[in-house]
C-alpha cells in the first residue's frame, strides 16, 4: 500500500476515534489525537508528491503520537482493573496505536526504497 494512503488511514483513524472518545468520555484530552490526525492529514499531499521535509514531519508526528498514546493513557489503563468502559477505551487506544504503527512501517519502507533507488 502507498505511504500516503497509510497516512490518510492513520489520520482518519486518529480523528474519528479521538472524536468518539470525546463523545463517550467528555475528556478534552481526547482532542489530542484529533489534532495529530488533522496535522497528518494536511501532510498527505506532500507525502504523495514525495516531499522529503513533509514526509519527515509526518514521521515525527507519527512517532510522537505512538509514544503519547502508549506511555500516557495505555500504561495507566492496563495498570487499573478494567470495567467495560475502560476496556472500550483500551480498544480505542490500541486501534489508534495500530494504525499509527502501520503508517510508521509504511514510512520506513518508503525511506528504504528511496535509498535503494538512489
C-alpha atoms as a PDB file:
ATOM      1  CA  UNK A   1       0.000   0.000   0.000  1.00  0.00           C
ATOM      2  CA  UNK A   2       1.218   3.518  -0.746  1.00  0.00           C
ATOM      3  CA  UNK A   3       2.639   5.611   2.069  1.00  0.00           C
ATOM      4  CA  UNK A   4       0.231   8.485   1.578  1.00  0.00           C
ATOM      5  CA  UNK A   5      -2.711   6.068   1.737  1.00  0.00           C
ATOM      6  CA  UNK A   6      -1.442   4.624   5.029  1.00  0.00           C
ATOM      7  CA  UNK A   7      -1.012   8.156   6.325  1.00  0.00           C
ATOM      8  CA  UNK A   8      -4.589   9.019   5.340  1.00  0.00           C
ATOM      9  CA  UNK A   9      -5.935   5.888   7.032  1.00  0.00           C
ATOM     10  CA  UNK A  10      -3.962   6.777  10.152  1.00  0.00           C
ATOM     11  CA  UNK A  11      -5.105  10.402  10.152  1.00  0.00           C
ATOM     12  CA  UNK A  12      -8.788   9.487   9.712  1.00  0.00           C
ATOM     13  CA  UNK A  13      -8.440   6.819  12.392  1.00  0.00           C
ATOM     14  CA  UNK A  14      -6.923   9.279  14.854  1.00  0.00           C
ATOM     15  CA  UNK A  15      -9.578  11.895  14.130  1.00  0.00           C
ATOM     16  CA  UNK A  16     -12.600   9.603  14.181  1.00  0.00           C
ATOM     17  CA  UNK A  17     -11.588   7.515  17.194  1.00  0.00           C
ATOM     18  CA  UNK A  18     -10.500  10.650  19.053  1.00  0.00           C
ATOM     19  CA  UNK A  19     -13.893  12.262  18.431  1.00  0.00           C
ATOM     20  CA  UNK A  20     -15.581   9.026  19.501  1.00  0.00           C
ATOM     21  CA  UNK A  21     -13.574   9.110  22.734  1.00  0.00           C
ATOM     22  CA  UNK A  22     -14.583  12.748  23.277  1.00  0.00           C
ATOM     23  CA  UNK A  23     -18.243  11.857  22.747  1.00  0.00           C
ATOM     24  CA  UNK A  24     -18.076   8.927  25.169  1.00  0.00           C
ATOM     25  CA  UNK A  25     -15.955  10.419  27.925  1.00  0.00           C
ATOM     26  CA  UNK A  26     -16.183  14.219  27.514  1.00  0.00           C
ATOM     27  CA  UNK A  27     -12.449  14.303  28.250  1.00  0.00           C
ATOM     28  CA  UNK A  28     -10.738  17.195  26.447  1.00  0.00           C
ATOM     29  CA  UNK A  29      -7.554  15.117  26.152  1.00  0.00           C
ATOM     30  CA  UNK A  30      -9.398  13.091  23.509  1.00  0.00           C
ATOM     31  CA  UNK A  31      -8.778  16.035  21.181  1.00  0.00           C
ATOM     32  CA  UNK A  32      -5.013  15.390  21.167  1.00  0.00           C
ATOM     33  CA  UNK A  33      -5.239  12.509  18.632  1.00  0.00           C
ATOM     34  CA  UNK A  34      -7.733  14.581  16.641  1.00  0.00           C
ATOM     35  CA  UNK A  35      -5.190  17.415  16.344  1.00  0.00           C
ATOM     36  CA  UNK A  36      -2.422  14.998  15.342  1.00  0.00           C
ATOM     37  CA  UNK A  37      -4.750  13.388  12.800  1.00  0.00           C
ATOM     38  CA  UNK A  38      -5.532  16.790  11.325  1.00  0.00           C
ATOM     39  CA  UNK A  39      -1.840  17.673  11.005  1.00  0.00           C
ATOM     40  CA  UNK A  40      -1.108  14.285   9.420  1.00  0.00           C
ATOM     41  CA  UNK A  41      -3.999  14.804   7.008  1.00  0.00           C
ATOM     42  CA  UNK A  42      -2.500  18.152   5.994  1.00  0.00           C
ATOM     43  CA  UNK A  43       0.816  16.376   5.286  1.00  0.00           C
ATOM     44  CA  UNK A  44      -0.792  13.891   2.866  1.00  0.00           C
ATOM     45  CA  UNK A  45      -0.329  15.910  -0.322  1.00  0.00           C
ATOM     46  CA  UNK A  46       3.345  16.471   0.452  1.00  0.00           C
ATOM     47  CA  UNK A  47       3.827  12.767   1.123  1.00  0.00           C
ATOM     48  CA  UNK A  48       2.072  11.902  -2.124  1.00  0.00           C
ATOM     49  CA  UNK A  49       4.345  14.307  -4.024  1.00  0.00           C
ATOM     50  CA  UNK A  50       7.397  12.776  -2.280  1.00  0.00           C
ATOM     51  CA  UNK A  51       8.365  15.943  -0.432  1.00  0.00           C
ATOM     52  CA  UNK A  52      11.096  14.801   1.975  1.00  0.00           C
ATOM     53  CA  UNK A  53      10.593  17.552   4.544  1.00  0.00           C
ATOM     54  CA  UNK A  54       6.868  16.970   4.850  1.00  0.00           C
ATOM     55  CA  UNK A  55       7.393  13.196   4.992  1.00  0.00           C
ATOM     56  CA  UNK A  56       9.865  13.621   7.826  1.00  0.00           C
ATOM     57  CA  UNK A  57       7.450  15.906   9.682  1.00  0.00           C
ATOM     58  CA  UNK A  58       4.743  13.258   9.284  1.00  0.00           C
ATOM     59  CA  UNK A  59       7.102  10.588  10.616  1.00  0.00           C
ATOM     60  CA  UNK A  60       7.929  12.762  13.616  1.00  0.00           C
ATOM     61  CA  UNK A  61       4.237  13.373  14.330  1.00  0.00           C
ATOM     62  CA  UNK A  62       3.524   9.656  13.993  1.00  0.00           C
ATOM     63  CA  UNK A  63       6.314   8.720  16.411  1.00  0.00           C
ATOM     64  CA  UNK A  64       5.121  11.319  18.916  1.00  0.00           C
ATOM     65  CA  UNK A  65       1.506  10.114  18.791  1.00  0.00           C
ATOM     66  CA  UNK A  66       2.570   6.465  19.173  1.00  0.00           C
ATOM     67  CA  UNK A  67       4.631   7.380  22.229  1.00  0.00           C
ATOM     68  CA  UNK A  68       1.909   9.621  23.648  1.00  0.00           C
ATOM     69  CA  UNK A  69      -0.817   7.006  23.207  1.00  0.00           C
ATOM     70  CA  UNK A  70       1.303   4.209  24.609  1.00  0.00           C
ATOM     71  CA  UNK A  71       3.108   5.807  27.509  1.00  0.00           C
ATOM     72  CA  UNK A  72       0.404   8.128  28.804  1.00  0.00           C
ATOM     73  CA  UNK A  73      -3.089   6.581  28.823  1.00  0.00           C
ATOM     74  CA  UNK A  74      -2.479   2.970  27.813  1.00  0.00           C
ATOM     75  CA  UNK A  75       0.043   2.219  30.526  1.00  0.00           C
ATOM     76  CA  UNK A  76      -2.331   3.709  33.127  1.00  0.00           C
ATOM     77  CA  UNK A  77      -5.332   1.793  31.779  1.00  0.00           C
ATOM     78  CA  UNK A  78      -3.518  -1.531  31.768  1.00  0.00           C
ATOM     79  CA  UNK A  79      -2.491  -0.993  35.380  1.00  0.00           C
ATOM     80  CA  UNK A  80      -6.088  -0.463  36.510  1.00  0.00           C
ATOM     81  CA  UNK A  81      -8.771  -3.082  36.820  1.00  0.00           C
ATOM     82  CA  UNK A  82     -10.769  -2.717  33.606  1.00  0.00           C
ATOM     83  CA  UNK A  83     -14.513  -2.214  33.589  1.00  0.00           C
ATOM     84  CA  UNK A  84     -16.468  -2.356  30.321  1.00  0.00           C
ATOM     85  CA  UNK A  85     -15.989   1.369  29.689  1.00  0.00           C
ATOM     86  CA  UNK A  86     -12.271   1.087  30.442  1.00  0.00           C
ATOM     87  CA  UNK A  87     -11.911  -1.873  28.074  1.00  0.00           C
ATOM     88  CA  UNK A  88     -13.571   0.159  25.306  1.00  0.00           C
ATOM     89  CA  UNK A  89     -11.022   2.903  25.966  1.00  0.00           C
ATOM     90  CA  UNK A  90      -8.223   0.349  25.709  1.00  0.00           C
ATOM     91  CA  UNK A  91      -9.619  -0.900  22.390  1.00  0.00           C
ATOM     92  CA  UNK A  92      -9.767   2.668  21.043  1.00  0.00           C
ATOM     93  CA  UNK A  93      -6.179   3.292  22.129  1.00  0.00           C
ATOM     94  CA  UNK A  94      -4.982   0.027  20.602  1.00  0.00           C
ATOM     95  CA  UNK A  95      -6.731   0.839  17.310  1.00  0.00           C
ATOM     96  CA  UNK A  96      -5.052   4.246  17.122  1.00  0.00           C
ATOM     97  CA  UNK A  97      -1.664   2.768  18.037  1.00  0.00           C
ATOM     98  CA  UNK A  98      -2.158   0.000  15.452  1.00  0.00           C
ATOM     99  CA  UNK A  99      -2.891   2.354  12.568  1.00  0.00           C
ATOM    100  CA  UNK A 100      -0.008   4.597  13.621  1.00  0.00           C
ATOM    101  CA  UNK A 101       2.407   1.661  13.691  1.00  0.00           C
ATOM    102  CA  UNK A 102       1.224   0.558  10.238  1.00  0.00           C
ATOM    103  CA  UNK A 103       1.809   4.077   8.929  1.00  0.00           C
ATOM    104  CA  UNK A 104       5.267   4.072  10.518  1.00  0.00           C
ATOM    105  CA  UNK A 105       6.089   0.769   8.818  1.00  0.00           C
ATOM    106  CA  UNK A 106       4.983   2.308   5.506  1.00  0.00           C
ATOM    107  CA  UNK A 107       7.206   5.343   6.077  1.00  0.00           C
ATOM    108  CA  UNK A 108      10.243   3.226   6.920  1.00  0.00           C
ATOM    109  CA  UNK A 109       9.640   1.013   3.879  1.00  0.00           C
ATOM    110  CA  UNK A 110       9.342   4.042   1.593  1.00  0.00           C
ATOM    111  CA  UNK A 111      12.554   5.550   3.015  1.00  0.00           C
ATOM    112  CA  UNK A 112      14.387   2.263   2.435  1.00  0.00           C
ATOM    113  CA  UNK A 113      13.032   2.028  -1.127  1.00  0.00           C
ATOM    114  CA  UNK A 114      14.060   5.638  -1.836  1.00  0.00           C
ATOM    115  CA  UNK A 115      17.572   4.894  -0.569  1.00  0.00           C
ATOM    116  CA  UNK A 116      17.825   1.802  -2.793  1.00  0.00           C
ATOM    117  CA  UNK A 117      16.673   3.745  -5.866  1.00  0.00           C
ATOM    118  CA  UNK A 118      19.314   6.416  -5.316  1.00  0.00           C
END
